[in-house]
Protein backbone atom coordinates (compact mmCIF):
# COMPACT_ATOMS: atom_id res chain seq x y z
CA MET A 1 -41.09 -17.12 38.07
CA ILE A 2 -44.88 -17.12 38.37
CA VAL A 3 -46.91 -14.38 36.70
CA ALA A 4 -50.67 -13.87 36.88
CA GLY A 5 -52.81 -11.38 35.01
CA LEU A 6 -55.52 -10.80 32.44
CA ASP A 7 -54.55 -11.46 28.83
CA GLN A 8 -57.47 -9.41 27.40
CA ASP A 9 -59.02 -6.08 28.32
CA TYR A 10 -62.75 -5.38 28.67
CA ARG A 11 -62.99 -5.02 24.87
CA GLY A 12 -61.47 -8.46 24.24
CA LYS A 13 -58.22 -6.92 22.95
CA PRO A 14 -54.73 -8.12 24.08
CA PHE A 15 -53.83 -6.61 27.45
CA GLU A 16 -50.10 -5.99 27.60
CA PRO A 17 -47.67 -7.31 28.73
CA ILE A 18 -49.33 -10.71 29.26
CA PRO A 19 -49.46 -11.70 25.53
CA GLN A 20 -45.67 -11.17 25.21
CA LEU A 21 -45.06 -13.21 28.35
CA LEU A 22 -47.27 -16.02 27.04
CA ALA A 23 -45.20 -16.10 23.85
CA VAL A 24 -41.94 -16.80 25.70
CA ALA A 25 -43.23 -18.89 28.62
CA GLU A 26 -42.18 -22.52 28.91
CA TYR A 27 -45.34 -23.53 30.77
CA ILE A 28 -48.76 -21.89 30.75
CA THR A 29 -51.68 -22.67 33.04
CA LYS A 30 -54.73 -20.72 31.98
CA THR A 31 -57.35 -20.56 34.70
CA LEU A 32 -60.92 -19.79 33.68
CA ALA A 33 -63.82 -18.36 35.65
CA ILE A 34 -67.48 -19.38 35.36
CA CYS A 35 -69.72 -17.32 33.06
CA VAL A 36 -72.32 -15.47 35.13
CA VAL A 37 -74.84 -15.75 32.26
CA CYS A 38 -74.73 -19.41 31.21
CA GLY A 39 -72.33 -21.20 33.59
CA ASN A 40 -69.80 -22.24 30.93
CA PRO A 41 -66.05 -21.64 31.33
CA ALA A 42 -65.38 -17.89 30.99
CA ASP A 43 -62.25 -16.36 29.48
CA ARG A 44 -63.58 -12.81 29.04
CA THR A 45 -64.22 -9.88 31.38
CA GLN A 46 -67.45 -7.99 30.78
CA ARG A 47 -67.35 -4.43 32.11
CA THR A 48 -70.69 -3.46 33.64
CA SER A 49 -69.86 0.20 34.30
CA SER A 50 -70.09 2.93 31.66
CA SER A 51 -66.43 4.04 31.87
CA HIS A 52 -64.44 4.02 28.61
CA GLU A 53 -60.99 4.13 30.22
CA ARG A 54 -58.89 1.04 29.51
CA VAL A 55 -58.01 0.44 33.16
CA VAL A 56 -60.65 0.91 35.83
CA VAL A 57 -59.99 -0.60 39.25
CA GLY A 58 -62.99 -2.54 40.43
CA ALA A 59 -64.32 -5.94 41.29
CA LYS A 60 -67.79 -7.40 41.49
CA GLU A 61 -69.49 -4.02 41.03
CA GLY A 62 -67.73 -3.27 37.75
CA TYR A 63 -66.98 -6.55 35.99
CA GLU A 64 -68.48 -9.97 35.25
CA ALA A 65 -66.91 -13.18 33.98
CA ARG A 66 -68.30 -14.13 30.57
CA CYS A 67 -67.71 -16.90 28.05
CA ARG A 68 -67.04 -16.10 24.39
CA LYS A 69 -70.73 -16.63 23.49
CA CYS A 70 -72.14 -14.35 26.24
CA PHE A 71 -69.47 -11.63 25.98
CA GLU A 72 -70.82 -8.36 24.52
CA PRO A 73 -68.00 -6.11 23.27
CA PRO A 74 -68.57 -2.40 23.94
CA LYS A 75 -69.70 -0.23 21.06
CA ASP A 76 -66.98 2.41 21.37
């Protein structure tokens, strides 16, 4: 079985059910994006909209790939 999904939400918190699946998987291939700020490998998703809902469907207009250093957690 192949599963794909985000393992963290826009706050950098575990995004279920991916963490549980990672814990029982035999093989894991983690694919990273490129940080839009510095160009380093990015494992975070920076929300650029003002919504505070956990799930907001969107793409380029609502999210950016960020590395750990450039990620700015929301203040909520």
